[in-house]
């Protein structure tokens, strides 16, 4: 490995790629193994949360001003388009007669919500790390 700095993608572009596809920022800076491991871990954790608690654990607030009523959605949003699509499906199902009156009386829903929010927080750490590494202009 040479000491010469290598050309890397700009950090904002790396951050955007890491948000769109978990692990994608590492792929842009040519750290394929790290990107694959982190991306698969985040996606599997998010999907396990949905599998445990059902799709309704991802529930977007009706308005941005009400985000503090459902703060866990911030973490779910950080998973990227996967979180937004899950929220869209969940909100669509919430208006159907079959799911409108479904209320969880156990910890299963809370565990699913926790898994999906933690997946987003892990993705935030990956976004920050990949952007930092891209800003260095060399392998870190």
Protein backbone atom coordinates (compact mmCIF):
# COMPACT_ATOMS: atom_id res chain seq x y z
CA UNK A 1 0.00 0.00 0.00
CA UNK A 2 1.44 3.36 -0.97
CA UNK A 3 1.54 6.51 1.16
CA UNK A 4 0.04 8.64 -1.63
CA UNK A 5 -3.52 9.75 -0.93
CA UNK A 6 -6.07 8.09 -3.14
CA UNK A 7 -8.98 9.83 -4.78
CA UNK A 8 -12.18 9.22 -2.86
CA UNK A 9 -15.81 10.20 -3.20
CA UNK A 10 -16.90 13.40 -1.44
CA UNK A 11 -18.15 12.79 2.14
CA UNK A 12 -21.71 14.12 1.50
CA UNK A 13 -22.12 11.71 -1.41
CA UNK A 14 -20.78 8.86 0.72
CA UNK A 15 -23.25 9.77 3.49
CA UNK A 16 -26.15 9.79 1.03
CA UNK A 17 -25.13 6.41 -0.39
CA UNK A 18 -24.81 4.99 3.13
CA UNK A 19 -28.33 6.19 3.97
CA UNK A 20 -29.89 4.89 0.74
CA UNK A 21 -28.26 1.46 1.04
CA UNK A 22 -26.84 0.48 4.43
CA UNK A 23 -23.15 -0.24 3.85
CA UNK A 24 -23.19 1.60 0.51
CA UNK A 25 -20.90 4.36 1.77
CA UNK A 26 -18.16 1.85 2.49
CA UNK A 27 -18.59 0.41 -0.99
CA UNK A 28 -18.02 3.88 -2.45
CA UNK A 29 -14.72 4.20 -0.61
CA UNK A 30 -13.70 0.70 -1.69
CA UNK A 31 -14.07 -1.04 1.67
CA UNK A 32 -16.26 -3.83 0.32
CA UNK A 33 -15.95 -6.33 3.20
CA UNK A 34 -16.78 -3.72 5.81
CA UNK A 35 -19.70 -2.45 3.72
CA UNK A 36 -21.13 -5.90 3.18
CA UNK A 37 -20.87 -6.86 6.84
CA UNK A 38 -22.40 -3.67 8.13
CA UNK A 39 -25.08 -3.51 5.45
CA UNK A 40 -26.22 -7.10 5.97
CA UNK A 41 -26.21 -6.64 9.77
CA UNK A 42 -28.37 -3.51 9.63
CA UNK A 43 -30.85 -4.92 7.12
CA UNK A 44 -31.17 -8.23 8.99
CA UNK A 45 -31.68 -6.42 12.32
CA UNK A 46 -34.39 -4.23 10.79
CA UNK A 47 -36.15 -7.18 9.16
CA UNK A 48 -35.93 -9.21 12.40
CA UNK A 49 -37.69 -6.36 14.18
CA UNK A 50 -40.49 -6.49 11.61
CA UNK A 51 -40.59 -10.28 11.83
CA UNK A 52 -40.81 -10.19 15.63
CA UNK A 53 -43.35 -7.40 16.04
CA UNK A 54 -45.05 -7.22 12.66
CA UNK A 55 -44.98 -4.46 10.06
CA UNK A 56 -46.99 -2.17 12.34
CA UNK A 57 -43.92 -1.56 14.55
CA UNK A 58 -42.76 0.91 11.90
CA UNK A 59 -45.28 3.70 12.25
CA UNK A 60 -44.57 7.18 10.97
CA UNK A 61 -46.10 10.14 12.78
CA UNK A 62 -48.93 11.84 10.87
CA UNK A 63 -46.98 15.13 10.74
CA UNK A 64 -43.36 16.15 11.21
CA UNK A 65 -44.41 18.37 14.14
CA UNK A 66 -45.56 15.22 15.98
CA UNK A 67 -42.23 13.37 15.70
CA UNK A 68 -41.67 13.64 19.46
CA UNK A 69 -44.77 11.50 20.02
CA UNK A 70 -43.00 8.65 18.19
CA UNK A 71 -39.26 9.32 18.61
CA UNK A 72 -38.32 5.76 17.65
CA UNK A 73 -39.29 6.61 14.07
CA UNK A 74 -36.15 8.76 13.84
CA UNK A 75 -34.09 5.57 14.16
CA UNK A 76 -36.34 3.71 11.76
CA UNK A 77 -36.00 6.57 9.25
CA UNK A 78 -32.20 6.32 9.42
CA UNK A 79 -32.33 2.83 7.89
CA UNK A 80 -33.10 4.64 4.63
CA UNK A 81 -35.70 3.90 1.99
CA UNK A 82 -36.29 0.49 3.57
CA UNK A 83 -37.63 2.24 6.68
CA UNK A 84 -39.72 4.67 4.65
CA UNK A 85 -41.27 1.87 2.58
CA UNK A 86 -42.03 -0.11 5.73
CA UNK A 87 -43.68 2.98 7.28
CA UNK A 88 -45.74 3.54 4.12
CA UNK A 89 -46.93 -0.09 4.15
CA UNK A 90 -47.62 0.07 7.89
CA UNK A 91 -49.63 3.27 7.63
CA UNK A 92 -51.56 1.81 4.70
CA UNK A 93 -52.40 -1.31 6.69
CA UNK A 94 -53.43 0.81 9.68
CA UNK A 95 -56.36 2.18 7.70
CA UNK A 96 -57.72 -1.26 6.75
CA UNK A 97 -60.47 -2.89 8.77
CA UNK A 98 -58.33 -5.95 9.53
CA UNK A 99 -55.57 -3.96 11.26
CA UNK A 100 -57.38 -0.85 12.53
CA UNK A 101 -58.33 -2.40 15.88
CA UNK A 102 -55.18 -4.48 16.41
CA UNK A 103 -53.52 -3.51 19.67
CA UNK A 104 -50.49 -5.29 21.05
CA UNK A 105 -50.81 -6.29 24.70
CA UNK A 106 -47.36 -7.81 25.00
CA UNK A 107 -43.72 -6.84 24.84
CA UNK A 108 -43.37 -8.32 21.35
CA UNK A 109 -44.34 -5.03 19.70
CA UNK A 110 -41.86 -3.11 21.85
CA UNK A 111 -39.06 -5.54 21.04
CA UNK A 112 -39.76 -5.23 17.31
CA UNK A 113 -39.77 -1.44 17.59
CA UNK A 114 -36.49 -1.53 19.49
CA UNK A 115 -34.82 -3.76 16.87
CA UNK A 116 -35.88 -1.50 13.99
CA UNK A 117 -34.81 1.69 15.79
CA UNK A 118 -31.44 0.22 16.79
CA UNK A 119 -30.85 -0.78 13.17
CA UNK A 120 -31.25 2.88 12.24
CA UNK A 121 -28.91 4.04 14.98
CA UNK A 122 -26.28 1.56 13.79
CA UNK A 123 -26.72 2.89 10.27
CA UNK A 124 -26.18 6.44 11.57
CA UNK A 125 -22.86 5.35 13.07
CA UNK A 126 -21.92 3.70 9.75
CA UNK A 127 -22.87 6.86 7.84
CA UNK A 128 -20.68 8.99 10.09
CA UNK A 129 -17.76 6.54 9.93
CA UNK A 130 -17.88 6.11 6.15
CA UNK A 131 -18.09 9.88 5.65
CA UNK A 132 -15.13 10.44 7.97
CA UNK A 133 -13.09 7.84 6.11
CA UNK A 134 -13.99 9.46 2.78
CA UNK A 135 -12.93 12.85 4.12
CA UNK A 136 -9.51 11.47 5.00
CA UNK A 137 -8.84 10.75 1.32
CA UNK A 138 -6.92 7.58 2.14
CA UNK A 139 -7.60 4.23 3.78
CA UNK A 140 -8.12 4.58 7.51
